[in-house]
Amino acid sequence: MIVPIFAGLIVLYIALNRAIDYSSKKDSAGKAVTDSSPELTRLTRQYLIIYLAAMFADWIQGPYVYRLYATYGYSVDQIAILFVAGFGSSMLFGTFVGSLADSYGRKNSCLTFCVLYFISCLTKHSPVFEVLMLGRILGGIATSILYAAFEAWLVSESHTRQLHETQLGSIFAAATTGNGIVAIVSGVIASAANDSWGVVAPFDVSVNLVQPLLENFINNRIQAFVLAATGFAILFLWTENYGDRNTGTSIMSQFKFGEAFARIRADNRIYALFVSQSLYESAMYIFVFLWTPTLEKTAGSAGIQHGWIFACFMVCCMIGSEIFSLLVASFKIQVEDFSYKIFAVAGVAFILPVLTNSPLLCLSSFFVFEACCGLYWPVMGTLRGKYIADDVRSTTMTLFRLPLNLIVVVTLMNLKHMDDRVVWVMCATMLLVSAVVQYVTFAGKTTRGYGTIGDRDTDATELESAPKLH
C-alpha cells in the first residue's frame, strides 16, 4: 500500500511545482522579484551546492547509527548514552564553537564543520566505546555549526548583495526541497552500501561522495570525499563574512552571549522566534525517535516498510516547501501572516496518535507533520533573516538550540519510563504553544526587521521602539 501512496505524493508535488511555474510566468511582476535576479541565481547555486553536500554527509549515516552500535555489541542503555552525548555536546560545546562564527567568520566555521564531521565519521570504524563517544561529541559540535553558521553566512551574503527577503525565502524553500531529495538519495545509497559491504559502509559513503557500488552503472568510478570536497568548495567559492568582530585580548571577549541574550530579551519578535523554534524542533527530534515504534505498534504483525515511509516523509517535506513558494511567491502572503498556522496544524497532527490506533490515520498525521516541516524551515529561515541582527546572528542561533537540546536530552533519558501517548501529548502541547506565541507576536503585525536591506546592523532607535518583555 505504501508504494501507491508514495507515487501519489510525487504526483501532488509535481502538480504544485507546475502550478508555481505557471503562476510565475503569468505574473511578470512576481517573476521580476523572485526569479530574474542574477545575484539571486548566483547565490542560490553557491549556497545549495555546498549546503546540500553537507546535508548529504549528515543524512547518509542517520539510518544506520543505532544498528552500527548494536552490531558492536552495545546494550540499549549504552546506545542511549551515546545518543544523549551527541545532543549534550551540541548543547554545551557546540554553543560556544558556534558562537565564534560571528568573530572568526562564518566561512571558517563551516570549514570547521567539515573537519569535525570528517573525524566523527572515521571514529565509527572503531568498536571502542570511548572512541565512539568522541565521535558523538565531535558530531554534536558539528551539528550546531551546520544549523547556525551555514544559514548565518547565507543571510549575511543576501544582505550584502541587496536581495529582498522574499528572494531569501526562495533560497530557503529550494534548500528544503533539495534537502528532501538528498535525504531520499542518501537513504538509497546507504542501503545499497550496507547490503554490499556491511553496516559501517554508510559512514564511509558519508566521507566519500560516490563509492564503488556505482561501478555497475558508471564505468569510470568517481572517487571523491563529500566532506573534503565540501571544504574545498567553501574555501574557493565562498567569501568570508563576519558579525561583530570584537578584537579583545581575551578569548571570552569573542563570545557574544551577553549581547545576544540582551537582544532576545529586548525584542518580543526575537524572543518569539527563540521560543517557537526551541519547542517546534524539540517536538521534531522526539518525533524522529517515536514514529517507528508507534507505527510498528499500530501495524502489528503486518509490519511497516521503513524505507518507503521515510521516502514518503521526505516527499511530504518537499510538498510543504512548494506550498511555501506558492503562498509567498504566487499569492504574495507575508510569512508573518501564516506562520502560526503551521505550528497549529502540526500540533493537531500529533494529537491523532493519542486518539486512534489506526495505522493509516497515524501515518497520515505524520505526513501532515512532515509537510509542516517543509513549510517550517523556509518560514523560520525568513523570519530569522529578517529579525536577527547580523552582528550576533550565529551566536543568537546557537542560543536558540540550547533549550532544544536540553528538552531532547531529558526526554530521551526518560523515554522508556514514559507512555507513548504522554509523549505525543507533550509534543502536541509544545507545538500549540508555539502557534499561540507566533500568532500573538506576528499575525497582522508585519514590520521591518533588523536584518532587512539597508538595516543590517541593529538600529539603536528601532531597538528602543521594539516591543519589550516586561
Protein backbone atom coordinates (compact mmCIF):
# COMPACT_ATOMS: atom_id res chain seq x y z
CA MET A 1 0.00 0.00 0.00
CA ILE A 2 2.85 2.39 0.79
CA VAL A 3 4.23 2.39 -2.79
CA PRO A 4 0.99 3.78 -4.34
CA ILE A 5 0.92 6.39 -1.55
CA PHE A 6 4.49 7.39 -2.41
CA ALA A 7 3.53 7.67 -6.09
CA GLY A 8 0.51 9.80 -5.21
CA LEU A 9 2.67 12.14 -3.12
CA ILE A 10 5.11 12.50 -6.01
CA VAL A 11 2.22 13.43 -8.34
CA LEU A 12 1.00 16.02 -5.81
CA TYR A 13 4.49 17.51 -5.55
CA ILE A 14 4.82 17.76 -9.34
CA ALA A 15 1.37 19.35 -9.60
CA LEU A 16 2.28 22.00 -7.03
CA ASN A 17 5.59 22.64 -8.76
CA ARG A 18 3.86 23.12 -12.12
CA ALA A 19 1.28 25.41 -10.54
CA ILE A 20 4.05 27.63 -9.18
CA ASP A 21 5.77 27.74 -12.56
CA TYR A 22 2.52 28.67 -14.27
CA SER A 23 1.80 31.37 -11.71
CA SER A 24 5.29 32.88 -12.03
CA LYS A 25 5.01 33.02 -15.82
CA LYS A 26 1.58 34.60 -15.61
CA ASP A 27 2.69 37.22 -13.09
CA SER A 28 5.64 39.00 -14.65
CA ALA A 29 5.97 41.34 -11.69
CA GLY A 30 6.31 38.42 -9.32
CA LYS A 31 8.87 36.87 -11.61
CA ALA A 32 10.94 40.03 -11.56
CA VAL A 33 11.09 39.90 -7.78
CA THR A 34 11.71 36.23 -7.21
CA ASP A 35 13.24 34.66 -10.30
CA SER A 36 15.13 37.00 -12.58
CA SER A 37 17.87 38.45 -10.35
CA PRO A 38 21.35 37.34 -11.45
CA GLU A 39 22.60 37.81 -7.87
CA LEU A 40 19.82 35.56 -6.61
CA THR A 41 20.76 32.85 -9.11
CA ARG A 42 24.46 33.06 -8.26
CA LEU A 43 23.91 33.00 -4.51
CA THR A 44 21.41 30.15 -4.76
CA ARG A 45 23.89 27.99 -6.66
CA GLN A 46 26.78 28.97 -4.39
CA TYR A 47 24.84 28.05 -1.28
CA LEU A 48 22.89 24.99 -2.37
CA ILE A 49 25.85 23.09 -3.85
CA ILE A 50 27.72 23.31 -0.56
CA TYR A 51 24.79 23.12 1.86
CA LEU A 52 23.25 20.06 0.20
CA ALA A 53 26.63 18.30 0.12
CA ALA A 54 26.93 18.91 3.87
CA MET A 55 23.39 17.64 4.42
CA PHE A 56 24.14 14.55 2.32
CA ALA A 57 27.02 13.72 4.65
CA ASP A 58 24.66 14.14 7.59
CA TRP A 59 21.72 12.19 6.15
CA ILE A 60 23.57 9.18 4.79
CA GLN A 61 24.67 7.82 8.13
CA GLY A 62 21.48 8.54 10.06
CA PRO A 63 19.51 5.34 9.39
CA TYR A 64 22.38 3.10 10.48
CA VAL A 65 23.84 4.74 13.59
CA TYR A 66 21.75 2.72 16.04
CA ARG A 67 22.32 -0.51 14.13
CA LEU A 68 26.07 0.10 13.97
CA TYR A 69 26.30 0.49 17.73
CA ALA A 70 24.17 -2.63 18.21
CA THR A 71 26.45 -4.56 15.84
CA TYR A 72 29.40 -3.64 18.06
CA GLY A 73 27.56 -5.39 20.90
CA TYR A 74 26.39 -2.42 22.97
CA SER A 75 23.19 -2.56 25.00
CA VAL A 76 20.19 -0.27 24.55
CA ASP A 77 21.25 1.74 27.61
CA GLN A 78 24.80 2.18 26.29
CA ILE A 79 23.48 3.27 22.91
CA ALA A 80 21.16 5.74 24.63
CA ILE A 81 24.19 7.22 26.42
CA LEU A 82 25.93 7.72 23.08
CA PHE A 83 22.88 9.46 21.59
CA VAL A 84 22.45 11.66 24.66
CA ALA A 85 26.16 12.54 24.45
CA GLY A 86 25.62 13.88 20.94
CA PHE A 87 22.80 16.20 21.99
CA GLY A 88 24.61 17.15 25.19
CA SER A 89 27.75 18.02 23.24
CA SER A 90 25.71 20.17 20.86
CA MET A 91 24.15 21.93 23.85
CA LEU A 92 27.40 22.56 25.75
CA PHE A 93 30.40 22.67 23.42
CA GLY A 94 28.51 23.37 20.20
CA THR A 95 27.03 26.55 21.65
CA PHE A 96 30.49 28.02 22.28
CA VAL A 97 32.01 26.86 18.99
CA GLY A 98 29.00 28.10 17.01
CA SER A 99 29.20 31.49 18.70
CA LEU A 100 32.77 32.02 17.49
CA ALA A 101 31.49 32.20 13.90
CA ASP A 102 30.47 35.83 14.45
CA SER A 103 34.02 36.80 15.48
CA TYR A 104 36.18 34.49 13.39
CA GLY A 105 33.98 34.19 10.32
CA ARG A 106 31.06 32.04 9.13
CA LYS A 107 33.14 30.57 6.27
CA ASN A 108 35.85 29.46 8.72
CA SER A 109 33.17 27.99 10.95
CA CYS A 110 31.73 25.96 8.06
CA LEU A 111 35.23 24.68 7.26
CA THR A 112 35.49 23.62 10.91
CA PHE A 113 32.24 21.68 10.47
CA CYS A 114 33.79 19.69 7.62
CA VAL A 115 36.87 18.80 9.67
CA LEU A 116 34.96 17.82 12.82
CA TYR A 117 32.37 15.77 10.96
CA PHE A 118 35.05 14.04 8.90
CA ILE A 119 36.79 12.91 12.10
CA SER A 120 33.43 11.91 13.61
CA CYS A 121 32.72 9.65 10.63
CA LEU A 122 36.14 7.99 10.95
CA THR A 123 35.51 7.12 14.60
CA LYS A 124 32.64 4.85 13.54
CA HIS A 125 35.23 2.30 12.38
CA SER A 126 36.29 1.66 15.96
CA PRO A 127 34.24 -0.59 18.28
CA VAL A 128 35.81 1.05 21.34
CA PHE A 129 33.15 2.85 23.38
CA GLU A 130 35.39 5.81 24.23
CA VAL A 131 36.24 6.36 20.55
CA LEU A 132 32.55 6.21 19.61
CA MET A 133 31.82 8.68 22.41
CA LEU A 134 34.45 11.04 20.99
CA GLY A 135 32.75 10.74 17.60
CA ARG A 136 29.37 11.64 19.12
CA ILE A 137 30.84 14.67 20.88
CA LEU A 138 32.52 15.92 17.71
CA GLY A 139 29.34 15.20 15.74
CA GLY A 140 27.28 17.22 18.22
CA ILE A 141 29.58 20.21 17.86
CA ALA A 142 29.49 19.88 14.07
CA THR A 143 25.69 19.74 14.09
CA SER A 144 25.49 23.05 15.94
CA ILE A 145 27.70 24.62 13.28
CA LEU A 146 25.65 23.06 10.47
CA TYR A 147 22.40 24.56 11.71
CA ALA A 148 23.79 28.00 12.57
CA ALA A 149 26.87 29.04 10.58
CA PHE A 150 25.66 27.96 7.13
CA GLU A 151 22.43 29.95 7.45
CA ALA A 152 24.25 32.91 9.02
CA TRP A 153 26.61 33.01 6.04
CA LEU A 154 23.70 32.89 3.58
CA VAL A 155 21.68 35.63 5.26
CA SER A 156 24.68 37.93 5.56
CA GLU A 157 25.53 37.38 1.88
CA SER A 158 21.93 38.08 0.86
CA HIS A 159 22.11 41.41 2.69
CA THR A 160 25.45 42.27 1.11
CA ARG A 161 24.01 41.56 -2.33
CA GLN A 162 20.87 43.59 -1.58
CA LEU A 163 18.41 40.74 -2.04
CA HIS A 164 14.78 41.11 -0.97
CA GLU A 165 13.52 38.97 1.93
CA THR A 166 11.20 37.16 -0.50
CA GLN A 167 14.24 36.16 -2.52
CA LEU A 168 15.94 34.89 0.63
CA GLY A 169 12.82 32.87 1.36
CA SER A 170 13.00 31.32 -2.11
CA ILE A 171 16.54 30.11 -1.34
CA PHE A 172 15.37 28.54 1.91
CA ALA A 173 12.49 26.87 0.06
CA ALA A 174 14.88 25.49 -2.57
CA ALA A 175 17.18 24.25 0.20
CA THR A 176 14.28 22.44 1.88
CA THR A 177 13.25 20.77 -1.39
CA GLY A 178 16.84 19.86 -2.19
CA ASN A 179 17.31 18.50 1.31
CA GLY A 180 14.35 16.17 0.82
CA ILE A 181 15.79 14.87 -2.46
CA VAL A 182 19.23 14.46 -0.89
CA ALA A 183 17.72 12.56 2.04
CA ILE A 184 15.97 10.09 -0.28
CA VAL A 185 19.06 9.59 -2.45
CA SER A 186 21.36 9.20 0.55
CA GLY A 187 18.98 6.62 2.04
CA VAL A 188 19.11 4.56 -1.16
CA ILE A 189 22.91 4.78 -1.33
CA ALA A 190 23.29 3.95 2.36
CA SER A 191 21.02 0.93 1.97
CA ALA A 192 22.97 -0.33 -1.05
CA ALA A 193 26.28 0.26 0.71
CA ASN A 194 25.06 -1.57 3.78
CA ASP A 195 23.90 -4.54 1.69
CA SER A 196 27.21 -4.66 -0.21
CA TRP A 197 29.85 -4.04 2.46
CA GLY A 198 28.23 -4.12 5.87
CA VAL A 199 26.86 -1.72 8.41
CA VAL A 200 29.96 0.51 8.59
CA ALA A 201 29.82 1.25 4.86
CA PRO A 202 27.29 4.13 5.07
CA PHE A 203 29.82 6.00 7.20
CA ASP A 204 32.46 5.51 4.52
CA VAL A 205 30.00 6.85 1.97
CA SER A 206 29.44 9.82 4.28
CA VAL A 207 33.14 10.53 3.75
CA ASN A 208 33.10 9.55 0.06
CA LEU A 209 30.77 11.16 -2.48
CA VAL A 210 30.40 8.02 -4.60
CA GLN A 211 31.64 4.61 -3.54
CA PRO A 212 32.42 1.54 -5.69
CA LEU A 213 28.79 0.37 -5.60
CA LEU A 214 28.19 2.63 -8.60
CA GLU A 215 30.60 0.61 -10.74
CA ASN A 216 27.72 -1.33 -12.25
CA PHE A 217 26.22 1.90 -13.56
CA ILE A 218 29.17 4.17 -14.22
CA ASN A 219 32.27 2.80 -15.95
CA ASN A 220 34.59 5.49 -14.64
CA ARG A 221 34.32 5.20 -10.87
CA ILE A 222 34.19 8.57 -9.09
CA GLN A 223 36.35 8.73 -6.01
CA ALA A 224 35.68 11.91 -4.10
CA PHE A 225 35.21 12.78 -0.49
CA VAL A 226 31.99 14.64 0.31
CA LEU A 227 33.21 16.46 3.34
CA ALA A 228 36.66 17.14 1.88
CA ALA A 229 35.06 18.30 -1.38
CA THR A 230 32.63 20.46 0.60
CA GLY A 231 35.54 22.02 2.47
CA PHE A 232 37.41 22.80 -0.74
CA ALA A 233 34.25 24.23 -2.29
CA ILE A 234 33.73 26.50 0.73
CA LEU A 235 37.37 27.53 0.57
CA PHE A 236 37.24 28.60 -3.07
CA LEU A 237 33.58 29.52 -3.71
CA TRP A 238 32.56 31.37 -0.56
CA THR A 239 33.73 34.76 0.61
CA GLU A 240 34.14 35.34 4.32
CA ASN A 241 31.62 37.33 6.32
CA TYR A 242 31.55 38.25 9.98
CA GLY A 243 29.31 39.51 12.71
CA ASP A 244 30.69 41.75 15.43
CA ARG A 245 34.49 41.35 15.21
CA ASN A 246 35.49 42.21 18.76
CA THR A 247 39.28 42.33 18.88
CA GLY A 248 39.58 41.97 22.63
CA THR A 249 42.62 40.23 24.06
CA SER A 250 40.64 37.56 25.92
CA ILE A 251 39.12 34.56 24.15
CA MET A 252 35.97 35.14 26.22
CA SER A 253 35.62 38.56 24.61
CA GLN A 254 34.96 36.78 21.31
CA PHE A 255 31.77 35.22 22.66
CA LYS A 256 28.69 37.42 22.25
CA PHE A 257 26.36 35.62 24.65
CA GLY A 258 25.59 38.65 26.80
CA GLU A 259 24.76 40.81 23.80
CA ALA A 260 22.76 38.06 22.13
CA PHE A 261 20.73 37.42 25.30
CA ALA A 262 20.09 41.15 25.59
CA ARG A 263 18.76 41.23 22.02
CA ILE A 264 16.49 38.26 22.71
CA ARG A 265 15.10 39.82 25.89
CA ALA A 266 14.73 43.30 24.39
CA ASP A 267 12.62 42.35 21.39
CA ASN A 268 9.48 40.20 21.59
CA ARG A 269 9.89 39.18 17.95
CA ILE A 270 13.29 37.57 18.53
CA TYR A 271 12.04 36.07 21.80
CA ALA A 272 9.05 34.58 19.96
CA LEU A 273 11.40 33.00 17.42
CA PHE A 274 13.51 31.65 20.29
CA VAL A 275 10.52 30.02 21.98
CA SER A 276 8.79 28.70 18.87
CA GLN A 277 11.97 27.27 17.31
CA SER A 278 13.02 25.57 20.53
CA LEU A 279 9.62 23.96 21.06
CA TYR A 280 8.98 23.00 17.44
CA GLU A 281 12.36 21.40 16.86
CA SER A 282 12.23 19.62 20.23
CA ALA A 283 8.97 18.01 19.12
CA MET A 284 10.52 17.22 15.74
CA TYR A 285 13.56 15.43 17.21
CA ILE A 286 11.38 13.48 19.63
CA PHE A 287 9.20 12.51 16.65
CA VAL A 288 12.29 11.00 14.99
CA PHE A 289 12.62 8.56 17.89
CA LEU A 290 8.89 7.92 18.28
CA TRP A 291 7.40 7.41 14.82
CA THR A 292 8.89 3.96 14.24
CA PRO A 293 7.65 2.26 17.46
CA THR A 294 4.26 3.99 17.10
CA LEU A 295 3.69 2.71 13.56
CA GLU A 296 5.06 -0.73 14.39
CA LYS A 297 2.65 -0.97 17.30
CA THR A 298 -0.36 0.07 15.22
CA ALA A 299 0.62 -2.19 12.29
CA GLY A 300 1.04 -5.26 14.48
CA SER A 301 2.23 -8.41 12.74
CA ALA A 302 1.90 -6.78 9.32
CA GLY A 303 5.00 -4.70 9.98
CA ILE A 304 6.00 -1.48 8.24
CA GLN A 305 8.28 -0.61 5.34
CA HIS A 306 10.68 1.82 6.97
CA GLY A 307 12.48 2.87 3.80
CA TRP A 308 9.34 3.70 1.85
CA ILE A 309 7.80 5.54 4.79
CA PHE A 310 10.95 7.63 5.19
CA ALA A 311 10.84 8.42 1.47
CA CYS A 312 7.20 9.50 1.83
CA PHE A 313 8.17 11.74 4.74
CA MET A 314 10.76 13.48 2.60
CA VAL A 315 8.33 13.99 -0.30
CA CYS A 316 5.83 15.50 2.16
CA CYS A 317 8.55 17.86 3.31
CA MET A 318 9.17 18.83 -0.32
CA ILE A 319 5.42 19.39 -0.76
CA GLY A 320 5.49 21.75 2.22
CA SER A 321 8.33 23.68 0.60
CA GLU A 322 6.28 24.04 -2.59
CA ILE A 323 3.29 25.28 -0.59
CA PHE A 324 5.57 27.92 0.95
CA SER A 325 6.64 29.07 -2.51
CA LEU A 326 3.01 29.15 -3.64
CA LEU A 327 1.93 31.26 -0.67
CA VAL A 328 4.82 33.72 -0.76
CA ALA A 329 5.78 33.98 -4.43
CA SER A 330 2.41 33.41 -6.09
CA PHE A 331 -0.15 34.69 -3.60
CA LYS A 332 2.19 37.32 -2.07
CA ILE A 333 1.20 36.42 1.50
CA GLN A 334 3.53 37.73 4.20
CA VAL A 335 5.28 34.98 6.16
CA GLU A 336 4.19 36.57 9.45
CA ASP A 337 0.53 36.17 8.48
CA PHE A 338 0.56 32.38 8.16
CA SER A 339 3.48 31.14 10.27
CA TYR A 340 1.28 30.41 13.31
CA LYS A 341 -0.97 28.15 11.22
CA ILE A 342 1.94 25.81 10.50
CA PHE A 343 2.56 25.28 14.22
CA ALA A 344 -1.15 24.82 14.91
CA VAL A 345 -1.65 22.22 12.17
CA ALA A 346 1.48 20.34 13.31
CA GLY A 347 0.16 20.30 16.88
CA VAL A 348 -3.21 18.93 15.81
CA ALA A 349 -1.45 16.24 13.74
CA PHE A 350 0.35 14.97 16.86
CA ILE A 351 -2.93 14.59 18.73
CA LEU A 352 -4.13 11.86 16.33
CA PRO A 353 -1.72 9.11 17.56
CA VAL A 354 -3.22 9.63 21.01
CA LEU A 355 -6.81 9.24 19.80
CA THR A 356 -6.50 6.34 17.35
CA ASN A 357 -4.70 3.06 16.76
CA SER A 358 -5.39 3.13 13.04
CA PRO A 359 -2.07 2.74 11.18
CA LEU A 360 -3.43 4.71 8.20
CA LEU A 361 -4.60 7.65 10.33
CA CYS A 362 -1.36 7.72 12.31
CA LEU A 363 0.67 7.61 9.11
CA SER A 364 -1.47 10.36 7.59
CA SER A 365 -0.92 12.56 10.64
CA PHE A 366 2.83 12.05 10.29
CA PHE A 367 2.62 13.03 6.61
CA VAL A 368 0.86 16.25 7.64
CA PHE A 369 3.58 16.97 10.20
CA GLU A 370 6.33 16.42 7.63
CA ALA A 371 4.57 18.80 5.23
CA CYS A 372 4.52 21.33 8.07
CA CYS A 373 8.28 20.79 8.44
CA GLY A 374 8.66 21.62 4.75
CA LEU A 375 6.91 24.92 5.46
CA TYR A 376 8.65 25.47 8.78
CA TRP A 377 12.24 25.60 7.52
CA PRO A 378 11.83 28.39 4.93
CA VAL A 379 9.39 30.28 7.18
CA MET A 380 11.74 30.31 10.15
CA GLY A 381 14.75 30.98 7.96
CA THR A 382 12.99 34.02 6.51
CA LEU A 383 11.93 35.31 9.93
CA ARG A 384 15.38 34.81 11.44
CA GLY A 385 16.92 36.56 8.45
CA LYS A 386 14.57 39.48 8.94
CA TYR A 387 14.62 39.99 12.70
CA ILE A 388 18.01 38.78 13.98
CA ALA A 389 20.82 41.30 13.58
CA ASP A 390 23.86 40.26 11.55
CA ASP A 391 26.42 41.21 14.19
CA VAL A 392 25.34 38.43 16.58
CA ARG A 393 23.46 36.16 14.18
CA SER A 394 25.46 32.93 14.71
CA THR A 395 25.56 33.40 18.48
CA THR A 396 21.82 34.02 18.66
CA MET A 397 21.06 30.97 16.52
CA THR A 398 23.24 28.69 18.67
CA LEU A 399 21.45 30.01 21.76
CA PHE A 400 18.16 29.09 20.10
CA ARG A 401 19.33 25.45 20.15
CA LEU A 402 20.13 25.37 23.89
CA PRO A 403 16.60 24.60 25.17
CA LEU A 404 16.04 22.28 22.20
CA ASN A 405 19.00 20.07 23.15
CA LEU A 406 18.08 20.21 26.84
CA ILE A 407 14.48 19.12 26.19
CA VAL A 408 15.57 16.30 23.87
CA VAL A 409 18.25 15.03 26.30
CA VAL A 410 15.84 14.97 29.26
CA THR A 411 13.12 13.29 27.18
CA LEU A 412 15.43 10.60 25.78
CA MET A 413 16.78 9.81 29.24
CA ASN A 414 13.23 9.21 30.48
CA LEU A 415 11.62 7.89 27.29
CA LYS A 416 11.49 4.25 28.35
CA HIS A 417 9.66 5.26 31.54
CA MET A 418 7.01 7.30 29.71
CA ASP A 419 3.87 6.14 27.94
CA ASP A 420 3.97 6.96 24.23
CA ARG A 421 0.65 8.79 24.44
CA VAL A 422 2.04 11.08 27.13
CA VAL A 423 5.00 11.93 24.91
CA TRP A 424 2.70 12.67 21.95
CA VAL A 425 0.57 14.97 24.13
CA MET A 426 3.74 16.72 25.32
CA CYS A 427 4.88 17.25 21.72
CA ALA A 428 1.44 18.47 20.63
CA THR A 429 1.38 20.90 23.55
CA MET A 430 4.78 22.34 22.61
CA LEU A 431 3.62 22.87 19.04
CA LEU A 432 0.34 24.51 20.05
CA VAL A 433 2.12 26.81 22.49
CA SER A 434 4.44 27.78 19.63
CA ALA A 435 1.38 28.54 17.49
CA VAL A 436 0.00 30.89 20.15
CA VAL A 437 3.37 32.63 20.50
CA GLN A 438 3.62 33.10 16.73
CA TYR A 439 0.05 34.36 16.45
CA VAL A 440 0.32 36.88 19.29
CA THR A 441 3.68 38.20 18.08
CA PHE A 442 3.45 38.21 14.30
CA ALA A 443 -0.07 37.80 12.89
CA GLY A 444 -1.14 41.02 11.20
CA LYS A 445 1.90 42.86 12.60
CA THR A 446 4.39 42.72 9.71
CA THR A 447 7.24 45.16 10.38
CA ARG A 448 10.67 45.92 9.08
CA GLY A 449 13.25 43.77 10.87
CA TYR A 450 16.82 44.39 11.91
CA GLY A 451 18.14 42.04 9.27
CA THR A 452 16.44 43.66 6.26
CA ILE A 453 18.12 45.50 3.45
CA GLY A 454 19.55 48.83 4.47
CA ASP A 455 19.37 47.89 8.16
CA ARG A 456 21.80 45.02 8.50
CA ASP A 457 23.16 46.19 11.82
CA THR A 458 20.77 46.78 14.65
CA ASP A 459 19.47 50.33 14.63
CA ALA A 460 19.54 51.68 18.16
CA THR A 461 16.49 53.82 17.64
CA GLU A 462 14.42 50.95 16.29
CA LEU A 463 15.63 48.66 19.08
CA GLU A 464 14.35 51.16 21.61
CA SER A 465 10.93 51.26 19.94
CA ALA A 466 10.69 47.47 19.53
CA PRO A 467 8.23 45.62 21.78
CA LYS A 468 9.82 44.78 25.12
CA LEU A 469 9.42 41.97 27.62
CA HIS A 470 8.10 43.11 30.96
